[in-house]
Amino acid sequence: MSRQFEGKRHLSGGFPQEIPLIQEAIGRLLGRPEFAPPLEGVAAPVVELATPELLHLSLCQTSHEPLPLRVSVGDEVVAGQPLAGDDAAGVLLPSPVAGTVVSVSELAHLRGGRKGDAVDLRPAGGAQAPAFAPLDPRGAEPAELAARLREAGVLSSDRSPRPLQAELEGPAETLVVLAADRDPGVSVALQLLAERGQDVCPAAALLARICGARRIVVALLEQQVAAFQAAEGVELLPLPARYPKTLPAMVARRLGGGAGLRIVPLESALAALDAVRLGQVQARKLVTLIGPDQRPVANSRVMLGTPLAALLAHAGIEVSERDKVIAGGPMRGFAQWSLDGVVDAGLDALTVIRAGTYPDWTAEPCVNSGRCIDICPVDLQVQLIGRYAEFELFDQTAELGIDQCFECGLCAAVCTARRPLLQYIRLAKAGLEASA
């Protein structure tokens, strides 16, 4: 049963609140390292970027393999028309706007791949009409609602995007809308809560209808609970404003985990609501730009397919050859080898780090300090996983439970030898996936 918390429904029946306190006390007694960066408490100013003259829409954002094209160069398209798609995988790439297909080109991949294909689209001028007829979130059948998410191209927004309707498949018991940012410096969820707080519960109810969940939870920062107007039947899960407490895997642990749990980021949930109620394609994205001084510069609202270089240019940030540009936040982001990449549904932040302000990773051997083991939220033998991954012994990393790692990056942050442990983990996972 839930209990009242300042007039709101407050979650008390999930992961016991006293357990983290006990674990923290034991950790201090054992000398476990403390590294819990604070999350943003104030949203960065919002900046609206104009639609660029050319959008580059990645065919590989949900996979390293490009989606099959459904248009040709020179075609005139309307908003919502599929540019590419794979019916077997349930993935469509609808055009976010009306325009003309100019070309198909290569594009830098945001998340470790070298290059992938993209459709280059020149947007037409003028106001854009809704792509689809609106649906009644309460009256339409769940299958019809799920089909709308698919045709509107609604994707999850946690690192590598995936079709949202695929995330909701299968019987579910609990639907969680994660209304908290997942990386230090990022304030996308904070801004969306300020703009559209009244839409959070309707979006959660819509997603619960699609997946059949009877329990609805909104997870948000502790300091936001008192001001949030929760609908009847919606539980609130307060989260500490410390990294990595707001990562989906940590939220799942608080709620007991299990196959019946679905966690959807706030921006994806709102995009789903707009696709159903307004007939809109997921077309725009909020991206927190974190400047060279490691302070948030702005929350830029941009069209999907906008080049990363355009965000930096609009903010007046010049990048030199040795600077780092990270697609994502400082803990989980991917360093970019090129600024030719573009904004997609999984990009919440763009981080710039000046040369000489960060310690270099090394190829030195592990010194067995044990700090990575101490700080790992799931108690993995990270030092061994890193060694096996370094020498491409990926099967051994599987035996050590690498699948339980949710890539928070804490191990790399505290590594005494400055080994790129997060990158080794991602390498091993990619190797295991390729050999499956």
Protein backbone atom coordinates (compact mmCIF):
# COMPACT_ATOMS: atom_id res chain seq x y z
CA MET A 1 0.00 0.00 0.00
CA SER A 2 1.10 3.56 -0.66
CA ARG A 3 0.98 6.23 2.00
CA GLN A 4 0.25 9.92 1.69
CA PHE A 5 3.21 12.26 1.31
CA GLU A 6 2.27 15.95 1.56
CA GLY A 7 -0.96 15.26 -0.27
CA LYS A 8 0.69 13.13 -2.99
CA ARG A 9 0.85 9.39 -3.46
CA HIS A 10 4.35 8.42 -2.36
CA LEU A 11 5.94 5.06 -3.07
CA SER A 12 6.84 3.06 0.00
CA GLY A 13 6.31 -0.53 -1.09
CA GLY A 14 9.26 -0.89 -3.50
CA PHE A 15 12.93 -1.14 -2.56
CA PRO A 16 13.09 -0.39 1.21
CA GLN A 17 14.22 3.17 1.90
CA GLU A 18 16.43 2.13 4.83
CA ILE A 19 18.55 -0.34 2.82
CA PRO A 20 20.60 2.31 0.90
CA LEU A 21 21.38 4.04 4.22
CA ILE A 22 22.60 0.80 5.74
CA GLN A 23 24.68 0.03 2.65
CA GLU A 24 26.20 3.52 2.75
CA ALA A 25 27.13 3.11 6.44
CA ILE A 26 28.71 -0.29 5.80
CA GLY A 27 30.56 1.14 2.80
CA ARG A 28 32.09 3.87 4.92
CA LEU A 29 33.19 1.36 7.57
CA LEU A 30 34.84 -0.74 4.87
CA GLY A 31 36.51 2.28 3.28
CA ARG A 32 34.56 2.06 0.01
CA PRO A 33 35.27 5.06 -2.23
CA GLU A 34 32.59 7.70 -2.44
CA PHE A 35 31.96 9.17 -5.85
CA ALA A 36 28.40 10.36 -6.41
CA PRO A 37 28.33 13.52 -8.55
CA PRO A 38 25.29 15.75 -7.94
CA LEU A 39 22.62 16.05 -10.61
CA GLU A 40 21.35 19.40 -11.84
CA GLY A 41 18.73 21.14 -9.73
CA VAL A 42 18.06 24.02 -12.12
CA ALA A 43 17.39 23.68 -15.84
CA ALA A 44 19.65 25.48 -18.30
CA PRO A 45 18.06 28.27 -20.40
CA VAL A 46 16.08 27.04 -23.41
CA VAL A 47 17.30 27.99 -26.86
CA GLU A 48 15.22 27.26 -29.97
CA LEU A 49 17.38 26.43 -32.99
CA ALA A 50 15.93 27.07 -36.42
CA THR A 51 15.46 24.10 -38.71
CA PRO A 52 18.68 23.72 -40.73
CA GLU A 53 18.68 23.87 -44.50
CA LEU A 54 19.50 20.17 -44.63
CA LEU A 55 18.55 17.41 -42.18
CA HIS A 56 20.62 14.23 -42.06
CA LEU A 57 18.42 11.40 -40.77
CA SER A 58 20.44 8.37 -39.74
CA LEU A 59 19.39 4.97 -41.06
CA CYS A 60 21.51 3.34 -38.35
CA GLN A 61 20.37 5.02 -35.13
CA THR A 62 18.62 1.90 -33.80
CA SER A 63 21.31 -0.50 -35.06
CA HIS A 64 24.67 -0.51 -36.79
CA GLU A 65 22.89 -1.99 -39.83
CA PRO A 66 21.05 0.58 -41.99
CA LEU A 67 17.29 0.37 -42.45
CA PRO A 68 16.12 -0.43 -46.00
CA LEU A 69 15.24 2.74 -47.92
CA ARG A 70 11.67 3.44 -49.01
CA VAL A 71 12.34 6.64 -50.95
CA SER A 72 14.57 7.74 -53.81
CA VAL A 73 16.65 10.85 -54.39
CA GLY A 74 14.42 13.62 -55.71
CA ASP A 75 11.23 12.37 -54.01
CA GLU A 76 8.92 14.91 -52.40
CA VAL A 77 7.81 13.61 -49.00
CA VAL A 78 5.30 14.68 -46.37
CA ALA A 79 5.64 14.56 -42.59
CA GLY A 80 5.10 11.03 -41.34
CA GLN A 81 5.95 9.35 -44.66
CA PRO A 82 8.37 6.44 -44.07
CA LEU A 83 11.84 7.20 -45.41
CA ALA A 84 13.09 3.75 -44.44
CA GLY A 85 11.88 0.80 -42.44
CA ASP A 86 12.15 -2.83 -41.48
CA ASP A 87 8.73 -4.44 -41.02
CA ALA A 88 10.18 -7.58 -39.46
CA ALA A 89 11.92 -5.54 -36.77
CA GLY A 90 8.99 -3.15 -36.35
CA VAL A 91 11.16 -0.10 -37.09
CA LEU A 92 10.14 2.87 -39.21
CA LEU A 93 11.96 6.11 -39.93
CA PRO A 94 9.23 8.64 -40.76
CA SER A 95 10.08 12.01 -42.19
CA PRO A 96 9.83 14.62 -39.41
CA VAL A 97 8.83 17.33 -41.90
CA ALA A 98 7.68 17.78 -45.46
CA GLY A 99 10.56 18.21 -47.87
CA THR A 100 12.71 16.83 -50.66
CA VAL A 101 15.11 13.88 -50.53
CA VAL A 102 18.39 15.37 -51.72
CA SER A 103 20.80 12.47 -51.35
CA VAL A 104 21.86 9.43 -49.35
CA SER A 105 25.22 9.93 -47.71
CA GLU A 106 27.60 8.57 -45.11
CA LEU A 107 27.33 9.83 -41.57
CA ALA A 108 29.50 9.58 -38.47
CA HIS A 109 27.88 7.26 -35.92
CA LEU A 110 27.36 8.76 -32.45
CA ARG A 111 28.03 5.60 -30.42
CA GLY A 112 31.26 4.00 -31.43
CA GLY A 113 30.62 3.00 -35.03
CA ARG A 114 32.62 4.67 -37.77
CA LYS A 115 30.08 5.53 -40.43
CA GLY A 116 26.52 4.74 -41.42
CA ASP A 117 24.06 5.78 -44.07
CA ALA A 118 21.71 8.75 -43.78
CA VAL A 119 18.89 10.30 -45.79
CA ASP A 120 19.59 13.97 -46.52
CA LEU A 121 16.33 15.91 -46.51
CA ARG A 122 15.73 19.56 -47.46
CA PRO A 123 12.74 20.76 -45.39
CA ALA A 124 9.95 22.64 -47.13
CA GLY A 125 9.06 26.07 -45.81
CA GLY A 126 5.86 27.01 -44.03
CA ALA A 127 3.87 25.52 -41.18
CA GLN A 128 3.83 21.75 -40.85
CA ALA A 129 0.47 20.00 -40.54
CA PRO A 130 0.00 16.98 -38.21
CA ALA A 131 1.09 13.77 -39.87
CA PHE A 132 -1.76 11.58 -38.61
CA ALA A 133 -5.32 11.81 -37.37
CA PRO A 134 -5.48 12.12 -33.55
CA LEU A 135 -6.49 9.10 -31.48
CA ASP A 136 -8.29 8.91 -28.16
CA PRO A 137 -5.73 7.64 -25.60
CA ARG A 138 -8.53 6.11 -23.51
CA GLY A 139 -10.84 4.92 -26.26
CA ALA A 140 -8.48 3.44 -28.87
CA GLU A 141 -7.42 -0.19 -28.56
CA PRO A 142 -3.92 -0.85 -27.17
CA ALA A 143 -2.83 -2.44 -30.46
CA GLU A 144 -3.92 0.69 -32.35
CA LEU A 145 -2.03 2.88 -29.90
CA ALA A 146 1.13 0.77 -30.26
CA ALA A 147 0.83 0.97 -34.05
CA ARG A 148 0.67 4.77 -33.78
CA LEU A 149 3.95 4.86 -31.84
CA ARG A 150 5.53 2.78 -34.57
CA GLU A 151 4.31 4.86 -37.52
CA ALA A 152 5.21 8.10 -35.70
CA GLY A 153 8.76 6.81 -35.17
CA VAL A 154 8.71 7.26 -31.38
CA LEU A 155 11.98 5.99 -29.96
CA SER A 156 13.33 5.50 -26.47
CA SER A 157 15.85 8.15 -25.43
CA ASP A 158 18.40 6.28 -23.36
CA ARG A 159 21.71 6.09 -25.23
CA SER A 160 21.07 3.87 -28.29
CA PRO A 161 17.47 4.57 -29.33
CA ARG A 162 15.00 1.70 -29.78
CA PRO A 163 11.39 1.70 -31.02
CA LEU A 164 9.27 2.53 -28.00
CA GLN A 165 6.49 0.11 -28.89
CA ALA A 166 9.08 -2.70 -28.84
CA GLU A 167 10.13 -1.64 -25.32
CA LEU A 168 6.49 -1.99 -24.23
CA GLU A 169 5.87 -5.46 -25.69
CA GLY A 170 5.00 -8.40 -23.49
CA PRO A 171 2.95 -8.54 -20.31
CA ALA A 172 3.87 -5.82 -17.84
CA GLU A 173 2.94 -5.24 -14.22
CA THR A 174 4.51 -1.82 -13.59
CA LEU A 175 5.01 1.14 -15.92
CA VAL A 176 7.53 3.76 -14.80
CA VAL A 177 8.01 7.18 -16.38
CA LEU A 178 11.52 8.27 -15.46
CA ALA A 179 11.18 12.04 -15.03
CA ALA A 180 14.76 12.61 -13.87
CA ASP A 181 17.96 13.27 -15.79
CA ARG A 182 20.46 10.45 -15.89
CA ASP A 183 23.82 12.22 -16.17
CA PRO A 184 25.47 15.09 -14.25
CA GLY A 185 25.04 18.43 -15.98
CA VAL A 186 22.00 17.36 -18.01
CA SER A 187 18.68 19.11 -17.37
CA VAL A 188 16.38 17.91 -20.16
CA ALA A 189 13.92 16.19 -17.80
CA LEU A 190 13.96 19.20 -15.47
CA GLN A 191 12.96 21.47 -18.33
CA LEU A 192 10.26 19.13 -19.62
CA LEU A 193 8.76 18.86 -16.13
CA ALA A 194 8.61 22.65 -15.95
CA GLU A 195 7.03 22.94 -19.40
CA ARG A 196 4.71 19.94 -19.41
CA GLY A 197 4.28 18.66 -15.89
CA GLN A 198 0.52 18.33 -16.46
CA ASP A 199 1.13 15.85 -19.31
CA VAL A 200 3.32 13.41 -17.36
CA CYS A 201 0.51 11.39 -15.78
CA PRO A 202 -1.60 11.21 -18.98
CA ALA A 203 1.50 10.00 -20.84
CA ALA A 204 2.14 7.38 -18.17
CA ALA A 205 -1.49 6.22 -18.32
CA LEU A 206 -1.25 5.91 -22.12
CA LEU A 207 1.87 3.76 -21.95
CA ALA A 208 0.33 1.63 -19.20
CA ARG A 209 -2.67 0.94 -21.46
CA ILE A 210 -0.39 -0.15 -24.28
CA CYS A 211 1.62 -2.62 -22.19
CA GLY A 212 -1.20 -3.66 -19.85
CA ALA A 213 0.48 -2.45 -16.66
CA ARG A 214 -1.83 -1.97 -13.66
CA ARG A 215 0.68 -0.08 -11.56
CA ILE A 216 1.89 3.37 -12.69
CA VAL A 217 4.93 5.07 -11.16
CA VAL A 218 6.50 8.44 -11.87
CA ALA A 219 10.15 8.56 -10.71
CA LEU A 220 11.53 12.05 -10.08
CA LEU A 221 14.05 13.85 -7.91
CA GLU A 222 13.27 14.09 -4.21
CA GLN A 223 13.08 17.88 -4.26
CA GLN A 224 10.43 17.81 -7.01
CA VAL A 225 7.96 15.48 -5.30
CA ALA A 226 6.16 18.10 -3.21
CA ALA A 227 5.39 20.32 -6.22
CA PHE A 228 4.31 17.53 -8.59
CA GLN A 229 0.55 17.10 -9.11
CA ALA A 230 0.08 13.35 -9.31
CA ALA A 231 -3.14 11.91 -10.76
CA GLU A 232 -5.21 9.42 -8.84
CA GLY A 233 -3.63 5.97 -9.00
CA VAL A 234 -0.14 7.27 -9.85
CA GLU A 235 2.62 6.56 -7.34
CA LEU A 236 5.67 8.77 -6.92
CA LEU A 237 9.15 7.37 -6.47
CA PRO A 238 11.56 10.01 -5.06
CA LEU A 239 15.13 9.65 -6.28
CA PRO A 240 18.30 11.15 -4.73
CA ALA A 241 19.83 13.88 -6.89
CA ARG A 242 23.07 11.94 -7.08
CA TYR A 243 24.58 9.95 -9.91
CA PRO A 244 23.93 7.04 -10.65
CA LYS A 245 20.72 6.84 -8.59
CA THR A 246 18.54 7.94 -11.53
CA LEU A 247 19.78 5.41 -14.09
CA PRO A 248 17.04 3.00 -15.22
CA ALA A 249 18.89 -0.01 -13.80
CA MET A 250 19.08 1.62 -10.37
CA VAL A 251 15.40 2.56 -10.51
CA ALA A 252 14.59 -1.03 -11.44
CA ARG A 253 16.51 -2.27 -8.39
CA ARG A 254 14.52 0.08 -6.16
CA LEU A 255 11.33 -1.47 -7.52
CA GLY A 256 12.49 -5.06 -7.24
CA GLY A 257 13.26 -5.57 -10.95
CA GLY A 258 11.60 -8.40 -12.84
CA ALA A 259 10.33 -8.96 -16.36
CA GLY A 260 7.09 -7.14 -15.64
CA LEU A 261 8.77 -3.74 -15.23
CA ARG A 262 8.88 -1.14 -18.02
CA ILE A 263 10.84 2.10 -17.60
CA VAL A 264 10.33 4.89 -20.16
CA PRO A 265 12.26 8.20 -20.14
CA LEU A 266 10.08 11.30 -19.83
CA GLU A 267 10.85 12.74 -23.26
CA SER A 268 9.89 9.49 -24.97
CA ALA A 269 6.67 9.28 -22.95
CA LEU A 270 5.70 12.82 -23.99
CA ALA A 271 6.53 12.08 -27.63
CA ALA A 272 4.20 9.06 -27.43
CA LEU A 273 1.41 11.22 -26.01
CA ASP A 274 1.86 13.77 -28.81
CA ALA A 275 1.81 11.04 -31.44
CA VAL A 276 -1.53 9.77 -30.14
CA ARG A 277 -3.36 12.95 -29.06
CA LEU A 278 -1.99 15.32 -31.72
CA GLY A 279 -0.94 13.00 -34.55
CA GLN A 280 2.61 14.34 -34.47
CA VAL A 281 5.81 12.66 -35.61
CA GLN A 282 8.69 12.69 -33.14
CA ALA A 283 10.62 15.52 -34.77
CA ARG A 284 12.37 17.67 -32.17
CA LYS A 285 14.71 16.98 -29.26
CA LEU A 286 16.01 18.83 -26.21
CA VAL A 287 19.79 18.59 -25.87
CA THR A 288 21.76 20.07 -22.95
CA LEU A 289 24.94 21.70 -24.23
CA ILE A 290 27.68 21.46 -21.56
CA GLY A 291 30.43 23.96 -22.31
CA PRO A 292 34.21 23.79 -21.94
CA ASP A 293 33.99 25.06 -18.34
CA GLN A 294 31.83 21.99 -17.58
CA ARG A 295 28.78 24.14 -16.94
CA PRO A 296 25.49 23.75 -18.83
CA VAL A 297 25.19 26.46 -21.49
CA ALA A 298 21.65 25.85 -22.74
CA ASN A 299 18.94 23.34 -23.42
CA SER A 300 18.79 23.48 -27.20
CA ARG A 301 15.53 22.40 -28.83
CA VAL A 302 16.50 21.15 -32.26
CA MET A 303 15.18 19.09 -35.13
CA LEU A 304 16.27 15.48 -35.26
CA GLY A 305 18.95 15.26 -37.93
CA THR A 306 20.59 18.57 -36.98
CA PRO A 307 24.43 18.34 -37.22
CA LEU A 308 26.35 18.48 -33.95
CA ALA A 309 28.48 21.23 -35.43
CA ALA A 310 25.38 23.42 -35.74
CA LEU A 311 24.73 23.23 -31.98
CA LEU A 312 28.29 24.25 -31.20
CA ALA A 313 28.28 27.04 -33.77
CA HIS A 314 25.01 28.45 -32.46
CA ALA A 315 26.53 28.63 -28.95
CA GLY A 316 29.71 30.20 -30.29
CA ILE A 317 31.87 27.29 -29.12
CA GLU A 318 34.93 26.57 -31.28
CA VAL A 319 36.52 23.14 -31.00
CA SER A 320 40.24 22.64 -31.55
CA GLU A 321 41.92 19.47 -32.73
CA ARG A 322 42.75 18.10 -29.25
CA ASP A 323 39.47 19.00 -27.56
CA LYS A 324 36.98 16.26 -26.73
CA VAL A 325 33.36 16.39 -27.85
CA ILE A 326 31.17 13.87 -26.07
CA ALA A 327 27.79 12.72 -27.36
CA GLY A 328 26.01 12.47 -24.02
CA GLY A 329 26.89 13.43 -20.48
CA PRO A 330 30.34 13.27 -18.86
CA MET A 331 29.81 9.81 -17.29
CA ARG A 332 28.26 7.72 -20.06
CA GLY A 333 28.82 9.67 -23.25
CA PHE A 334 30.70 8.64 -26.39
CA ALA A 335 33.73 10.62 -27.58
CA GLN A 336 33.27 11.79 -31.17
CA TRP A 337 35.91 11.32 -33.83
CA SER A 338 34.02 13.68 -36.14
CA LEU A 339 31.52 16.51 -35.80
CA ASP A 340 29.60 15.16 -38.78
CA GLY A 341 27.27 13.24 -36.46
CA VAL A 342 23.70 14.45 -35.93
CA VAL A 343 21.14 14.72 -33.17
CA ASP A 344 18.97 11.63 -32.73
CA ALA A 345 16.36 10.56 -30.19
CA GLY A 346 18.96 9.09 -27.83
CA LEU A 347 21.07 12.23 -27.46
CA ASP A 348 20.37 14.14 -24.24
CA ALA A 349 23.60 16.16 -24.08
CA LEU A 350 26.63 17.37 -25.97
CA THR A 351 29.69 17.88 -23.77
CA VAL A 352 32.84 19.79 -24.71
CA ILE A 353 36.10 19.23 -22.79
CA ARG A 354 39.14 21.35 -23.56
CA ALA A 355 42.48 19.70 -24.26
CA GLY A 356 44.69 19.53 -21.19
CA THR A 357 41.82 19.71 -18.71
CA TYR A 358 41.26 15.95 -18.53
CA PRO A 359 43.63 13.13 -17.55
CA ASP A 360 44.58 10.84 -20.40
CA TRP A 361 43.58 7.20 -20.41
CA THR A 362 46.50 4.81 -20.33
CA ALA A 363 47.39 1.37 -21.61
CA GLU A 364 49.14 0.57 -18.35
CA PRO A 365 48.30 -2.76 -16.66
CA CYS A 366 45.88 -2.97 -13.76
CA VAL A 367 47.54 -2.24 -10.38
CA ASN A 368 44.89 -4.17 -8.39
CA SER A 369 43.84 -1.22 -6.26
CA GLY A 370 40.34 -2.68 -6.05
CA ARG A 371 38.64 0.71 -6.29
CA CYS A 372 36.60 -0.38 -9.33
CA ILE A 373 35.26 -3.38 -7.41
CA ASP A 374 34.41 -1.29 -4.36
CA ILE A 375 32.42 1.29 -6.28
CA CYS A 376 30.61 -1.02 -8.73
CA PRO A 377 26.85 -0.83 -7.99
CA VAL A 378 26.38 -4.50 -8.94
CA ASP A 379 29.61 -5.82 -7.35
CA LEU A 380 31.26 -7.10 -10.52
CA GLN A 381 34.90 -8.15 -10.78
CA VAL A 382 35.56 -5.14 -12.97
CA GLN A 383 39.36 -5.43 -12.95
CA LEU A 384 39.16 -8.95 -14.42
CA ILE A 385 36.49 -7.98 -16.94
CA GLY A 386 38.74 -5.14 -18.10
CA ARG A 387 41.73 -7.44 -18.51
CA TYR A 388 39.80 -10.06 -20.46
CA ALA A 389 38.19 -7.42 -22.68
CA GLU A 390 41.56 -5.79 -23.37
CA PHE A 391 42.82 -9.06 -24.88
CA GLU A 392 39.50 -9.87 -26.58
CA LEU A 393 38.72 -12.82 -24.31
CA PHE A 394 35.07 -11.93 -24.42
CA ASP A 395 33.69 -15.30 -23.35
CA GLN A 396 35.46 -14.92 -20.00
CA THR A 397 33.78 -11.53 -19.47
CA ALA A 398 30.42 -13.24 -19.97
CA GLU A 399 31.28 -15.77 -17.28
CA LEU A 400 31.98 -12.86 -14.92
CA GLY A 401 28.49 -11.41 -15.50
CA ILE A 402 29.25 -8.53 -17.85
CA ASP A 403 25.59 -8.58 -18.90
CA GLN A 404 24.72 -7.20 -15.45
CA CYS A 405 26.82 -4.07 -16.06
CA PHE A 406 24.68 -1.04 -16.95
CA GLU A 407 27.68 1.08 -17.97
CA CYS A 408 27.52 3.80 -15.32
CA GLY A 409 31.25 4.51 -15.77
CA LEU A 410 32.02 4.76 -12.05
CA CYS A 411 34.77 2.14 -12.34
CA ALA A 412 36.67 4.21 -14.90
CA ALA A 413 36.16 7.39 -12.88
CA VAL A 414 37.98 5.98 -9.83
CA CYS A 415 40.53 3.74 -11.56
CA THR A 416 43.99 4.35 -10.06
CA ALA A 417 45.75 3.35 -13.28
CA ARG A 418 43.38 5.44 -15.49
CA ARG A 419 42.40 2.40 -17.54
CA PRO A 420 39.49 2.94 -19.97
CA LEU A 421 37.31 0.37 -18.21
CA LEU A 422 33.99 1.58 -19.61
CA GLN A 423 35.35 1.36 -23.15
CA TYR A 424 36.69 -2.14 -22.49
CA ILE A 425 33.26 -3.18 -21.21
CA ARG A 426 31.54 -1.79 -24.29
CA LEU A 427 34.09 -3.51 -26.51
CA ALA A 428 33.40 -6.85 -24.84
CA LYS A 429 29.65 -6.42 -25.12
CA ALA A 430 29.93 -5.57 -28.82
CA GLY A 431 32.15 -8.62 -29.32
CA LEU A 432 29.71 -10.92 -27.57
CA GLU A 433 26.82 -9.51 -29.57
CA ALA A 434 28.67 -10.00 -32.84
CA SER A 435 29.45 -13.63 -32.01
CA ALA A 436 25.92 -14.50 -30.83
